[in-house]
Amino acid sequence: MATAQQVKSLLKSYSSGDDEHFVSVALQIAAHSARKGDTKLAQELRNLVDDIKRQQSEGRTNRAVPMARPSGELAGLLAVSYPKLRLSEMVLADSTCEPLLKVVHEYRHQDKLRGHGLSARRKLLLVGPPGCGKTMTASALAGELQLPLFSVQLHGLITKFMGEAASKLHLVFQAMTETKGIYFFDEFDAIGANRGSQNDVGEARRILNSFLQFLEQDDSDSLVLAATNHVGMLDSALFRRFDDVIHYSHPHAEEVQQLVRNRLRTFLSKRLGWTKVLAAADGLSHAEVSRACDDAAKVCVIEDVATVNTSRLVALLEERQRAQAPTS
């Protein structure tokens, strides 16, 4: 049996990605087990260590080495999370979901594709109105592929000093090679659009040119996702650099109904007036429908009511409609 100190050393080496120390501690545990008379466990541990060494020497290790906490300059550029969400938990139109499933399928077979000189889809541009699932997609792909999600912090990337942003962007693309994961650029038009201000146009163009260059040269195992609510603002040169452009839209009636069923679950009345609910939800985003349902569920909990009635849910959806309506 391993000592407490050996267990702690094992966990620390795994957390820091120190494979050599990890193997060394494992061998120490094997030796300790042998001295205690548990020769079977000792041999099993040695066999596992031999397998790890062989995989490392042959370059076949295929697990993501998660960056528990980006350090140095990357600390201000990347925020890491480990989502468990799956695509099956999202409510998306078929035209949006199908290309995402294709990305997952190709990525899982990327070694086979490479063997025939082909590449899996890795660089995706997500476009559509806010609240329709672009950010959630990044989490779902990370969950599907069991990869860490690295969200690029644009406030740390874009600076007023000429050339500094391009240098920081280069660090992010280097991280893609060193640590496999999903790298997500939200509000991408901040990088991909030409600025209207005369003072900003030069630096914005330099950042965009750097991004185009780094993206074209990137051949890592990471996925690069960029999302924008303003596709019309993007430079035309961007579109041919991405493997796929995936479009998002407000939910149709069938999707709204599925959203309501998913969010309300046990609070859903069998006599809910779907015609009125769907009419009240028309034009709302996935996020707005979900928030209205959450509000309805909270009312049920607080007031000790078993189910949500039609008038309550319709009122909450209409409240969301008024909140998004432009003011004169």
Protein backbone atom coordinates (compact mmCIF):
# COMPACT_ATOMS: atom_id res chain seq x y z
CA MET A 1 0.00 0.00 0.00
CA ALA A 2 1.31 3.44 -0.89
CA THR A 3 2.24 5.85 1.89
CA ALA A 4 0.36 9.12 2.32
CA GLN A 5 3.40 11.03 1.07
CA GLN A 6 3.63 8.91 -2.06
CA VAL A 7 -0.05 9.46 -2.84
CA LYS A 8 0.40 13.23 -2.46
CA SER A 9 3.49 13.18 -4.66
CA LEU A 10 1.62 11.17 -7.28
CA LEU A 11 -1.26 13.67 -7.37
CA LYS A 12 1.07 16.68 -7.45
CA SER A 13 3.07 15.28 -10.36
CA TYR A 14 -0.10 14.53 -12.30
CA SER A 15 -1.50 18.02 -11.60
CA SER A 16 1.70 19.69 -12.82
CA GLY A 17 2.01 17.43 -15.86
CA ASP A 18 5.40 16.11 -14.68
CA ASP A 19 5.30 12.67 -16.33
CA GLU A 20 8.82 11.70 -15.27
CA HIS A 21 8.12 12.34 -11.60
CA PHE A 22 4.76 10.57 -11.91
CA VAL A 23 6.48 7.43 -13.23
CA SER A 24 9.20 7.70 -10.57
CA VAL A 25 6.67 7.80 -7.73
CA ALA A 26 4.72 4.91 -9.26
CA LEU A 27 7.90 2.81 -9.26
CA GLN A 28 8.54 3.79 -5.63
CA ILE A 29 5.07 2.52 -4.74
CA ALA A 30 5.78 -0.72 -6.62
CA ALA A 31 9.04 -1.19 -4.68
CA HIS A 32 7.28 -0.41 -1.40
CA SER A 33 4.59 -3.00 -2.20
CA ALA A 34 7.24 -5.62 -2.99
CA ARG A 35 8.96 -5.01 0.35
CA LYS A 36 5.63 -5.49 2.12
CA GLY A 37 5.19 -8.83 0.38
CA ASP A 38 2.54 -7.80 -2.16
CA THR A 39 4.51 -8.96 -5.18
CA LYS A 40 1.42 -9.21 -7.40
CA LEU A 41 0.56 -5.52 -6.98
CA ALA A 42 4.22 -4.57 -7.44
CA GLN A 43 4.42 -6.42 -10.76
CA GLU A 44 1.12 -4.95 -11.97
CA LEU A 45 2.38 -1.44 -11.22
CA ARG A 46 5.67 -2.11 -13.03
CA ASN A 47 3.76 -3.42 -16.05
CA LEU A 48 1.58 -0.28 -16.11
CA VAL A 49 4.68 1.93 -15.88
CA ASP A 50 6.28 -0.01 -18.76
CA ASP A 51 3.14 0.62 -20.84
CA ILE A 52 3.31 4.35 -20.09
CA LYS A 53 6.99 4.52 -21.02
CA ARG A 54 6.38 2.63 -24.26
CA GLN A 55 3.53 4.94 -25.25
CA GLN A 56 5.68 7.99 -24.51
CA SER A 57 8.60 6.67 -26.55
CA GLU A 58 6.34 5.85 -29.49
CA GLY A 59 4.60 9.23 -29.26
CA ARG A 60 1.16 7.67 -28.94
CA THR A 61 -0.05 9.39 -25.80
CA ASN A 62 -3.37 10.83 -26.82
CA ARG A 63 -4.71 12.34 -23.61
CA ALA A 64 -5.09 16.04 -23.08
CA VAL A 65 -2.73 17.33 -20.42
CA PRO A 66 -4.94 19.91 -18.76
CA MET A 67 -3.36 23.19 -17.76
CA ALA A 68 -4.73 23.37 -14.22
CA ARG A 69 -3.93 27.06 -14.04
CA PRO A 70 -2.39 29.01 -16.93
CA SER A 71 0.73 30.66 -15.59
CA GLY A 72 2.96 33.58 -16.52
CA GLU A 73 1.65 35.77 -19.33
CA LEU A 74 -0.97 33.15 -20.22
CA ALA A 75 -2.67 33.71 -16.86
CA GLY A 76 -4.15 36.96 -18.13
CA LEU A 77 -4.98 35.55 -21.56
CA LEU A 78 -6.73 32.23 -20.90
CA ALA A 79 -9.42 31.11 -18.47
CA VAL A 80 -9.72 27.31 -18.19
CA SER A 81 -12.70 25.13 -17.32
CA TYR A 82 -13.61 21.46 -17.67
CA PRO A 83 -17.24 21.27 -18.87
CA LYS A 84 -19.33 18.09 -18.66
CA LEU A 85 -22.06 19.33 -21.01
CA ARG A 86 -22.93 17.24 -24.08
CA LEU A 87 -24.41 18.27 -27.43
CA SER A 88 -27.41 16.05 -26.73
CA GLU A 89 -28.32 18.37 -23.85
CA MET A 90 -28.59 21.38 -26.16
CA VAL A 91 -31.67 22.32 -28.17
CA LEU A 92 -30.48 23.33 -31.63
CA ALA A 93 -31.84 23.34 -35.15
CA ASP A 94 -30.77 20.36 -37.28
CA SER A 95 -28.87 22.72 -39.58
CA THR A 96 -26.75 23.78 -36.60
CA CYS A 97 -26.45 20.44 -34.80
CA GLU A 98 -25.47 18.29 -37.79
CA PRO A 99 -22.19 20.09 -38.62
CA LEU A 100 -21.24 20.03 -34.92
CA LEU A 101 -21.78 16.27 -34.77
CA LYS A 102 -19.65 15.96 -37.89
CA VAL A 103 -16.85 17.91 -36.16
CA VAL A 104 -16.97 15.51 -33.19
CA HIS A 105 -17.03 12.45 -35.45
CA GLU A 106 -14.08 13.61 -37.55
CA TYR A 107 -12.05 14.66 -34.51
CA ARG A 108 -12.43 11.23 -32.95
CA HIS A 109 -11.06 9.70 -36.17
CA GLN A 110 -8.37 12.29 -36.87
CA ASP A 111 -5.52 9.75 -36.77
CA LYS A 112 -7.23 7.66 -39.44
CA LEU A 113 -7.83 10.78 -41.56
CA ARG A 114 -4.22 11.89 -41.23
CA GLY A 115 -3.09 8.48 -42.42
CA HIS A 116 -4.74 9.34 -45.74
CA GLY A 117 -3.47 12.92 -45.90
CA LEU A 118 -6.77 14.41 -44.67
CA SER A 119 -7.54 16.76 -41.77
CA ALA A 120 -10.42 16.77 -39.33
CA ARG A 121 -12.45 19.96 -39.00
CA ARG A 122 -10.82 21.93 -36.15
CA LYS A 123 -11.37 25.62 -36.91
CA LEU A 124 -14.97 26.78 -36.53
CA LEU A 125 -16.64 30.16 -36.86
CA LEU A 126 -19.95 30.38 -34.96
CA VAL A 127 -22.25 33.19 -36.07
CA GLY A 128 -25.71 34.30 -35.01
CA PRO A 129 -27.69 36.46 -32.57
CA PRO A 130 -26.83 36.51 -28.85
CA GLY A 131 -28.30 33.90 -26.56
CA CYS A 132 -28.68 31.19 -29.20
CA GLY A 133 -26.05 28.72 -28.03
CA LYS A 134 -22.66 29.76 -29.41
CA THR A 135 -20.88 29.93 -26.04
CA MET A 136 -22.67 26.80 -24.83
CA THR A 137 -21.46 25.00 -27.96
CA ALA A 138 -17.85 25.56 -26.90
CA SER A 139 -18.64 23.90 -23.56
CA ALA A 140 -20.53 21.04 -25.22
CA LEU A 141 -17.68 20.26 -27.63
CA ALA A 142 -15.24 20.27 -24.71
CA GLY A 143 -17.52 17.88 -22.83
CA GLU A 144 -18.02 15.60 -25.84
CA LEU A 145 -14.30 15.34 -26.56
CA GLN A 146 -13.22 15.40 -22.89
CA LEU A 147 -10.95 18.38 -23.48
CA PRO A 148 -10.32 21.45 -21.34
CA LEU A 149 -12.01 24.64 -22.51
CA PHE A 150 -9.71 27.66 -22.75
CA SER A 151 -11.61 30.94 -23.12
CA VAL A 152 -9.43 33.68 -24.58
CA GLN A 153 -9.65 36.86 -22.49
CA LEU A 154 -9.81 39.65 -25.05
CA HIS A 155 -9.30 42.37 -22.44
CA GLY A 156 -5.89 40.84 -21.73
CA LEU A 157 -5.11 40.30 -25.40
CA ILE A 158 -5.87 43.72 -26.87
CA THR A 159 -3.66 46.51 -25.59
CA LYS A 160 -2.88 50.06 -26.65
CA PHE A 161 0.79 49.26 -27.29
CA MET A 162 1.70 48.60 -30.89
CA GLY A 163 2.79 45.04 -31.54
CA GLU A 164 2.05 43.77 -28.02
CA ALA A 165 -1.33 42.25 -28.92
CA ALA A 166 0.18 40.23 -31.77
CA SER A 167 2.84 38.92 -29.39
CA LYS A 168 0.21 37.85 -26.87
CA LEU A 169 -1.84 36.25 -29.63
CA HIS A 170 1.23 34.24 -30.59
CA LEU A 171 1.42 32.93 -27.01
CA VAL A 172 -2.16 31.70 -27.25
CA PHE A 173 -1.45 29.80 -30.47
CA GLN A 174 1.69 28.33 -28.93
CA ALA A 175 -0.46 27.08 -26.04
CA MET A 176 -2.71 25.31 -28.56
CA THR A 177 0.25 23.19 -29.61
CA GLU A 178 1.50 22.52 -26.10
CA THR A 179 -1.87 21.83 -24.41
CA LYS A 180 -4.64 20.15 -26.38
CA GLY A 181 -8.04 21.69 -25.77
CA ILE A 182 -10.88 23.85 -27.08
CA TYR A 183 -9.68 27.46 -27.55
CA PHE A 184 -12.64 29.83 -27.65
CA PHE A 185 -12.54 33.41 -28.96
CA ASP A 186 -15.88 34.97 -27.96
CA GLU A 187 -16.98 38.37 -29.33
CA PHE A 188 -14.57 37.66 -32.14
CA ASP A 189 -15.47 40.81 -34.07
CA ALA A 190 -13.18 42.65 -31.62
CA ILE A 191 -10.31 40.95 -33.47
CA GLY A 192 -11.81 40.11 -36.84
CA ALA A 193 -13.36 43.45 -37.75
CA ASN A 194 -11.72 46.61 -39.01
CA ARG A 195 -12.21 49.44 -36.54
CA GLY A 196 -14.08 52.55 -37.58
CA SER A 197 -11.97 54.86 -35.46
CA GLN A 198 -9.10 56.42 -37.36
CA ASN A 199 -6.75 55.90 -34.39
CA ASP A 200 -7.52 52.21 -34.08
CA VAL A 201 -7.58 51.00 -37.69
CA GLY A 202 -3.81 50.43 -37.99
CA GLU A 203 -3.41 48.34 -34.85
CA ALA A 204 -6.68 46.46 -35.50
CA ARG A 205 -5.41 45.51 -38.95
CA ARG A 206 -2.13 44.28 -37.48
CA ILE A 207 -3.97 42.09 -34.96
CA LEU A 208 -6.21 40.69 -37.69
CA ASN A 209 -3.27 39.95 -39.98
CA SER A 210 -1.48 38.18 -37.14
CA PHE A 211 -4.55 36.10 -36.36
CA LEU A 212 -4.95 35.09 -40.00
CA GLN A 213 -1.31 34.06 -40.17
CA PHE A 214 -1.35 32.08 -36.91
CA LEU A 215 -4.64 30.37 -37.78
CA GLU A 216 -3.40 29.32 -41.20
CA GLN A 217 -0.15 27.94 -39.76
CA ASP A 218 -1.81 26.13 -36.85
CA ASP A 219 -1.65 22.34 -37.21
CA SER A 220 -2.12 21.43 -33.55
CA ASP A 221 -4.58 18.90 -32.13
CA SER A 222 -6.63 21.67 -30.51
CA LEU A 223 -9.96 23.02 -31.74
CA VAL A 224 -10.21 26.74 -32.44
CA LEU A 225 -13.67 28.29 -32.07
CA ALA A 226 -14.54 31.91 -32.78
CA ALA A 227 -18.00 33.34 -32.10
CA THR A 228 -19.62 36.60 -33.12
CA ASN A 229 -23.03 38.24 -33.02
CA HIS A 230 -22.02 40.57 -35.87
CA VAL A 231 -20.99 38.45 -38.82
CA GLY A 232 -21.36 41.43 -41.16
CA MET A 233 -18.49 43.19 -39.39
CA LEU A 234 -15.96 40.44 -40.06
CA ASP A 235 -13.22 40.77 -42.63
CA SER A 236 -13.92 38.62 -45.69
CA ALA A 237 -10.45 37.07 -45.50
CA LEU A 238 -11.46 35.26 -42.30
CA PHE A 239 -14.07 32.96 -43.78
CA ARG A 240 -11.73 30.90 -45.95
CA ARG A 241 -9.38 30.33 -42.98
CA PHE A 242 -12.05 28.45 -41.02
CA ASP A 243 -13.00 24.86 -41.81
CA ASP A 244 -16.69 25.53 -41.20
CA VAL A 245 -19.03 28.45 -40.55
CA ILE A 246 -21.91 27.35 -38.32
CA HIS A 247 -25.04 29.50 -38.19
CA TYR A 248 -27.29 29.94 -35.14
CA SER A 249 -30.79 31.43 -35.07
CA HIS A 250 -33.68 32.04 -32.70
CA PRO A 251 -35.51 28.80 -31.82
CA HIS A 252 -38.47 27.69 -33.92
CA ALA A 253 -41.67 26.45 -32.32
CA GLU A 254 -40.49 22.83 -31.97
CA GLU A 255 -37.25 23.97 -30.32
CA VAL A 256 -39.10 26.32 -27.95
CA GLN A 257 -41.35 23.46 -26.90
CA GLN A 258 -38.33 21.23 -26.25
CA LEU A 259 -36.62 24.02 -24.28
CA VAL A 260 -39.67 24.50 -22.09
CA ARG A 261 -39.95 20.76 -21.46
CA ASN A 262 -36.25 20.52 -20.58
CA ARG A 263 -36.18 23.53 -18.25
CA LEU A 264 -39.43 22.96 -16.39
CA ARG A 265 -39.32 19.17 -16.14
CA THR A 266 -41.45 18.20 -13.11
CA PHE A 267 -43.11 21.63 -12.98
CA LEU A 268 -44.64 21.22 -16.43
CA SER A 269 -48.44 21.00 -16.52
CA LYS A 270 -49.98 18.42 -18.84
CA ARG A 271 -52.64 21.01 -19.66
CA LEU A 272 -50.21 23.77 -20.65
CA GLY A 273 -51.59 25.92 -23.46
CA TRP A 274 -48.84 25.48 -26.00
CA THR A 275 -50.39 27.78 -28.61
CA LYS A 276 -50.27 30.75 -26.23
CA VAL A 277 -46.81 29.84 -24.91
CA LEU A 278 -45.30 29.52 -28.37
CA ALA A 279 -46.86 32.81 -29.47
CA ALA A 280 -45.41 34.59 -26.41
CA ALA A 281 -41.96 33.07 -27.04
CA ASP A 282 -41.80 33.96 -30.74
CA GLY A 283 -38.61 35.89 -31.51
CA LEU A 284 -36.93 35.20 -28.18
CA SER A 285 -33.52 33.56 -27.99
CA HIS A 286 -32.79 30.20 -26.39
CA ALA A 287 -31.33 31.98 -23.36
CA GLU A 288 -34.37 34.23 -22.91
CA VAL A 289 -36.84 31.32 -23.11
CA SER A 290 -34.69 29.38 -20.62
CA ARG A 291 -34.60 32.31 -18.18
CA ALA A 292 -38.37 32.73 -18.35
CA CYS A 293 -38.78 29.01 -17.58
CA ASP A 294 -36.34 29.25 -14.68
CA ASP A 295 -38.30 32.21 -13.30
CA ALA A 296 -41.51 30.16 -13.56
CA ALA A 297 -39.89 27.23 -11.73
CA LYS A 298 -38.71 29.56 -8.94
CA VAL A 299 -42.26 30.82 -8.46
CA CYS A 300 -43.48 27.23 -8.10
CA VAL A 301 -40.85 26.47 -5.48
CA ILE A 302 -41.38 29.64 -3.45
CA GLU A 303 -45.19 29.47 -3.56
CA ASP A 304 -45.34 25.67 -3.12
CA VAL A 305 -47.19 25.23 -6.39
CA ALA A 306 -46.89 21.86 -8.16
CA THR A 307 -46.98 23.04 -11.78
CA VAL A 308 -46.59 26.14 -13.91
CA ASN A 309 -49.85 27.38 -15.37
CA THR A 310 -50.16 28.86 -18.83
CA SER A 311 -50.88 32.44 -17.81
CA ARG A 312 -47.83 32.57 -15.51
CA LEU A 313 -45.43 31.30 -18.16
CA VAL A 314 -46.92 33.52 -20.87
CA ALA A 315 -46.56 36.58 -18.60
CA LEU A 316 -42.90 35.79 -17.93
CA LEU A 317 -42.18 35.28 -21.64
CA GLU A 318 -43.91 38.58 -22.47
CA GLU A 319 -41.79 40.23 -19.80
CA ARG A 320 -38.71 39.01 -21.69
CA GLN A 321 -40.17 40.40 -24.91
CA ARG A 322 -40.58 43.83 -23.35
CA ALA A 323 -37.04 43.74 -21.94
CA GLN A 324 -35.52 43.20 -25.38
CA ALA A 325 -37.74 45.73 -27.18
CA PRO A 326 -35.83 48.89 -28.23
CA THR A 327 -36.66 52.04 -26.32
CA SER A 328 -37.57 55.19 -28.20
